[in-house]
Amino acid sequence: MEAASLRRIDARLQVAQLNETVTIESAAVTLQTDRGEVSAQIQKEEIEDLPMDGGRNFQNLLKLLPGFTPPEELHSDAGNPQRSMGTNANGASYSNNNTRIDGATISYPWLPHIVAYVPPAEAIQTVNVVTNAFDAEQAWRAELQ
């Protein structure tokens, strides 16, 4: 064979029989029928692995949940030394938020729309966010006579 020469090979191709089956299966979505709440959870893996603006404040991850505005720092360093962030859910004022750790409210007494203590992200196991239809354990009501 000579360099830079072409050879022609005529190959005969035949169409083979093709059998292919595609099966799509899905389980029915289970409806939550025992409660009327709308909630979401941010798990420890997400808190550890996802990037957070402005340090390791877990409140930055609230922007991943539907209905939340991007969290922002409120007030000066003197009025908010823990660098707590404010956000609102579904258009409600951020003054309506209630942040708790293990059931105890941690609102700053003089500025209740920010939290008094922002735990390190590595100390958080799960963030559970309920945006409406609260259970009795999550909301309180005062009745005036």
C-alpha atoms as a PDB file:
ATOM      1  CA  MET A   1       0.000   0.000   0.000  1.00  0.00           C
ATOM      2  CA  GLU A   2       1.281   3.405  -0.876  1.00  0.00           C
ATOM      3  CA  ALA A   3       1.391   6.323   1.525  1.00  0.00           C
ATOM      4  CA  ALA A   4      -1.523   8.787   1.267  1.00  0.00           C
ATOM      5  CA  SER A   5      -3.527   6.424  -0.921  1.00  0.00           C
ATOM      6  CA  LEU A   6      -7.177   5.592  -0.430  1.00  0.00           C
ATOM      7  CA  ARG A   7      -8.741   2.154  -0.448  1.00  0.00           C
ATOM      8  CA  ARG A   8     -12.388   1.519  -0.916  1.00  0.00           C
ATOM      9  CA  ILE A   9     -14.185  -1.207   0.999  1.00  0.00           C
ATOM     10  CA  ASP A  10     -17.829  -1.734   0.222  1.00  0.00           C
ATOM     11  CA  ALA A  11     -19.561  -2.987   3.333  1.00  0.00           C
ATOM     12  CA  ARG A  12     -23.114  -4.192   3.349  1.00  0.00           C
ATOM     13  CA  LEU A  13     -25.123  -3.266   6.442  1.00  0.00           C
ATOM     14  CA  GLN A  14     -28.424  -4.841   7.317  1.00  0.00           C
ATOM     15  CA  VAL A  15     -31.101  -3.525   9.612  1.00  0.00           C
ATOM     16  CA  ALA A  16     -31.492  -5.818  12.563  1.00  0.00           C
ATOM     17  CA  GLN A  17     -34.664  -6.350  14.494  1.00  0.00           C
ATOM     18  CA  LEU A  18     -35.010  -3.924  17.381  1.00  0.00           C
ATOM     19  CA  ASN A  19     -37.123  -4.544  20.449  1.00  0.00           C
ATOM     20  CA  GLU A  20     -37.108  -1.947  23.155  1.00  0.00           C
ATOM     21  CA  THR A  21     -39.475  -1.427  26.046  1.00  0.00           C
ATOM     22  CA  VAL A  22     -39.654   1.690  28.186  1.00  0.00           C
ATOM     23  CA  THR A  23     -41.441   1.370  31.504  1.00  0.00           C
ATOM     24  CA  ILE A  24     -42.220   4.425  33.579  1.00  0.00           C
ATOM     25  CA  GLU A  25     -43.360   3.851  37.118  1.00  0.00           C
ATOM     26  CA  SER A  26     -44.272   6.270  39.830  1.00  0.00           C
ATOM     27  CA  ALA A  27     -45.700   5.959  43.271  1.00  0.00           C
ATOM     28  CA  ALA A  28     -48.622   8.123  44.240  1.00  0.00           C
ATOM     29  CA  VAL A  29     -47.660  11.184  46.247  1.00  0.00           C
ATOM     30  CA  THR A  30     -48.668  10.743  49.846  1.00  0.00           C
ATOM     31  CA  LEU A  31     -50.769  13.609  51.076  1.00  0.00           C
ATOM     32  CA  GLN A  32     -50.299  14.897  54.564  1.00  0.00           C
ATOM     33  CA  THR A  33     -53.804  14.522  55.958  1.00  0.00           C
ATOM     34  CA  ASP A  34     -53.138  14.811  59.684  1.00  0.00           C
ATOM     35  CA  ARG A  35     -51.956  18.455  59.563  1.00  0.00           C
ATOM     36  CA  GLY A  36     -52.663  21.536  57.488  1.00  0.00           C
ATOM     37  CA  GLU A  37     -49.204  23.067  57.756  1.00  0.00           C
ATOM     38  CA  VAL A  38     -46.884  23.975  54.926  1.00  0.00           C
ATOM     39  CA  SER A  39     -43.334  23.277  55.985  1.00  0.00           C
ATOM     40  CA  ALA A  40     -39.854  22.572  54.706  1.00  0.00           C
ATOM     41  CA  GLN A  41     -36.684  21.244  56.253  1.00  0.00           C
ATOM     42  CA  ILE A  42     -33.057  22.065  55.684  1.00  0.00           C
ATOM     43  CA  GLN A  43     -30.976  19.048  56.653  1.00  0.00           C
ATOM     44  CA  LYS A  44     -27.519  18.939  58.250  1.00  0.00           C
ATOM     45  CA  GLU A  45     -25.915  17.883  54.949  1.00  0.00           C
ATOM     46  CA  GLU A  46     -27.285  20.963  53.193  1.00  0.00           C
ATOM     47  CA  ILE A  47     -26.149  23.230  56.023  1.00  0.00           C
ATOM     48  CA  GLU A  48     -22.637  21.757  55.888  1.00  0.00           C
ATOM     49  CA  ASP A  49     -22.262  21.524  52.099  1.00  0.00           C
ATOM     50  CA  LEU A  50     -24.054  24.525  50.580  1.00  0.00           C
ATOM     51  CA  PRO A  51     -22.254  27.854  50.302  1.00  0.00           C
ATOM     52  CA  MET A  52     -23.547  30.620  52.556  1.00  0.00           C
ATOM     53  CA  ASP A  53     -22.998  34.317  51.940  1.00  0.00           C
ATOM     54  CA  GLY A  54     -21.744  36.418  54.826  1.00  0.00           C
ATOM     55  CA  GLY A  55     -20.162  33.725  56.946  1.00  0.00           C
ATOM     56  CA  ARG A  56     -21.686  30.485  58.156  1.00  0.00           C
ATOM     57  CA  ASN A  57     -25.108  31.868  59.130  1.00  0.00           C
ATOM     58  CA  PHE A  58     -27.743  29.187  58.514  1.00  0.00           C
ATOM     59  CA  GLN A  59     -30.327  31.925  57.849  1.00  0.00           C
ATOM     60  CA  ASN A  60     -28.751  32.405  54.416  1.00  0.00           C
ATOM     61  CA  LEU A  61     -30.243  29.064  53.376  1.00  0.00           C
ATOM     62  CA  LEU A  62     -33.809  30.310  53.831  1.00  0.00           C
ATOM     63  CA  LYS A  63     -33.549  31.835  50.347  1.00  0.00           C
ATOM     64  CA  LEU A  64     -33.655  28.278  48.981  1.00  0.00           C
ATOM     65  CA  LEU A  65     -37.191  27.771  50.256  1.00  0.00           C
ATOM     66  CA  PRO A  66     -40.217  28.839  48.220  1.00  0.00           C
ATOM     67  CA  GLY A  67     -41.868  32.084  49.278  1.00  0.00           C
ATOM     68  CA  PHE A  68     -38.875  33.612  51.097  1.00  0.00           C
ATOM     69  CA  THR A  69     -37.183  36.880  50.266  1.00  0.00           C
ATOM     70  CA  PRO A  70     -33.382  36.867  50.284  1.00  0.00           C
ATOM     71  CA  PRO A  71     -32.165  37.218  53.895  1.00  0.00           C
ATOM     72  CA  GLU A  72     -30.424  40.468  54.738  1.00  0.00           C
ATOM     73  CA  GLU A  73     -28.581  41.843  57.728  1.00  0.00           C
ATOM     74  CA  LEU A  74     -30.647  44.255  59.765  1.00  0.00           C
ATOM     75  CA  HIS A  75     -29.431  47.150  61.908  1.00  0.00           C
ATOM     76  CA  SER A  76     -25.908  48.152  62.821  1.00  0.00           C
ATOM     77  CA  ASP A  77     -23.213  45.979  64.364  1.00  0.00           C
ATOM     78  CA  ALA A  78     -24.003  47.552  67.734  1.00  0.00           C
ATOM     79  CA  GLY A  79     -27.711  46.733  67.486  1.00  0.00           C
ATOM     80  CA  ASN A  80     -27.179  43.315  65.934  1.00  0.00           C
ATOM     81  CA  PRO A  81     -23.763  41.985  67.040  1.00  0.00           C
ATOM     82  CA  GLN A  82     -24.691  38.370  66.271  1.00  0.00           C
ATOM     83  CA  ARG A  83     -25.315  39.393  62.611  1.00  0.00           C
ATOM     84  CA  SER A  84     -28.802  37.917  62.609  1.00  0.00           C
ATOM     85  CA  MET A  85     -30.583  38.154  59.270  1.00  0.00           C
ATOM     86  CA  GLY A  86     -34.141  39.110  58.475  1.00  0.00           C
ATOM     87  CA  THR A  87     -36.383  37.637  55.814  1.00  0.00           C
ATOM     88  CA  ASN A  88     -40.058  37.319  55.225  1.00  0.00           C
ATOM     89  CA  ALA A  89     -42.127  34.396  54.088  1.00  0.00           C
ATOM     90  CA  ASN A  90     -45.054  34.633  51.707  1.00  0.00           C
ATOM     91  CA  GLY A  91     -45.199  38.422  51.986  1.00  0.00           C
ATOM     92  CA  ALA A  92     -45.613  38.577  55.769  1.00  0.00           C
ATOM     93  CA  SER A  93     -43.505  41.041  57.728  1.00  0.00           C
ATOM     94  CA  TYR A  94     -40.232  39.726  59.118  1.00  0.00           C
ATOM     95  CA  SER A  95     -41.505  40.972  62.485  1.00  0.00           C
ATOM     96  CA  ASN A  96     -43.877  37.976  62.409  1.00  0.00           C
ATOM     97  CA  ASN A  97     -41.044  35.428  62.379  1.00  0.00           C
ATOM     98  CA  ASN A  98     -40.440  33.334  65.464  1.00  0.00           C
ATOM     99  CA  THR A  99     -37.108  31.530  65.626  1.00  0.00           C
ATOM    100  CA  ARG A 100     -36.647  28.805  68.207  1.00  0.00           C
ATOM    101  CA  ILE A 101     -33.947  26.425  69.295  1.00  0.00           C
ATOM    102  CA  ASP A 102     -35.327  23.192  70.719  1.00  0.00           C
ATOM    103  CA  GLY A 103     -38.685  24.887  71.299  1.00  0.00           C
ATOM    104  CA  ALA A 104     -37.394  28.002  73.101  1.00  0.00           C
ATOM    105  CA  THR A 105     -37.893  31.366  71.404  1.00  0.00           C
ATOM    106  CA  ILE A 106     -34.594  33.171  70.854  1.00  0.00           C
ATOM    107  CA  SER A 107     -35.896  36.563  69.718  1.00  0.00           C
ATOM    108  CA  TYR A 108     -33.939  39.639  70.670  1.00  0.00           C
ATOM    109  CA  PRO A 109     -36.170  41.366  73.276  1.00  0.00           C
ATOM    110  CA  TRP A 110     -35.713  44.933  71.985  1.00  0.00           C
ATOM    111  CA  LEU A 111     -35.768  44.013  68.298  1.00  0.00           C
ATOM    112  CA  PRO A 112     -38.034  40.935  68.106  1.00  0.00           C
ATOM    113  CA  HIS A 113     -37.668  40.567  64.328  1.00  0.00           C
ATOM    114  CA  ILE A 114     -34.070  39.383  64.771  1.00  0.00           C
ATOM    115  CA  VAL A 115     -32.756  36.500  66.837  1.00  0.00           C
ATOM    116  CA  ALA A 116     -30.557  37.016  69.884  1.00  0.00           C
ATOM    117  CA  TYR A 117     -28.370  34.009  69.187  1.00  0.00           C
ATOM    118  CA  VAL A 118     -27.261  32.609  65.829  1.00  0.00           C
ATOM    119  CA  PRO A 119     -25.723  29.210  66.465  1.00  0.00           C
ATOM    120  CA  PRO A 120     -22.756  28.082  64.365  1.00  0.00           C
ATOM    121  CA  ALA A 121     -23.891  26.215  61.262  1.00  0.00           C
ATOM    122  CA  GLU A 122     -21.965  23.128  62.366  1.00  0.00           C
ATOM    123  CA  ALA A 123     -24.069  22.941  65.559  1.00  0.00           C
ATOM    124  CA  ILE A 124     -27.385  22.668  63.699  1.00  0.00           C
ATOM    125  CA  GLN A 125     -28.943  19.291  62.995  1.00  0.00           C
ATOM    126  CA  THR A 126     -32.115  20.372  61.143  1.00  0.00           C
ATOM    127  CA  VAL A 127     -33.892  23.626  60.354  1.00  0.00           C
ATOM    128  CA  ASN A 128     -37.661  23.143  60.236  1.00  0.00           C
ATOM    129  CA  VAL A 129     -39.575  26.037  58.686  1.00  0.00           C
ATOM    130  CA  VAL A 130     -43.371  26.231  58.977  1.00  0.00           C
ATOM    131  CA  THR A 131     -44.951  29.004  56.914  1.00  0.00           C
ATOM    132  CA  ASN A 132     -48.659  28.627  57.705  1.00  0.00           C
ATOM    133  CA  ALA A 133     -51.350  26.608  59.501  1.00  0.00           C
ATOM    134  CA  PHE A 134     -49.278  26.269  62.649  1.00  0.00           C
ATOM    135  CA  ASP A 135     -49.878  23.560  65.211  1.00  0.00           C
ATOM    136  CA  ALA A 136     -50.559  24.550  68.804  1.00  0.00           C
ATOM    137  CA  GLU A 137     -46.921  23.782  69.663  1.00  0.00           C
ATOM    138  CA  GLN A 138     -45.672  26.328  67.112  1.00  0.00           C
ATOM    139  CA  ALA A 139     -48.033  29.242  67.613  1.00  0.00           C
ATOM    140  CA  TRP A 140     -49.823  30.837  70.510  1.00  0.00           C
ATOM    141  CA  ARG A 141     -52.968  32.872  70.739  1.00  0.00           C
ATOM    142  CA  ALA A 142     -53.968  35.437  73.312  1.00  0.00           C
ATOM    143  CA  GLU A 143     -57.669  35.879  73.924  1.00  0.00           C
ATOM    144  CA  LEU A 144     -58.814  39.166  75.373  1.00  0.00           C
ATOM    145  CA  GLN A 145     -61.956  39.201  77.532  1.00  0.00           C
END
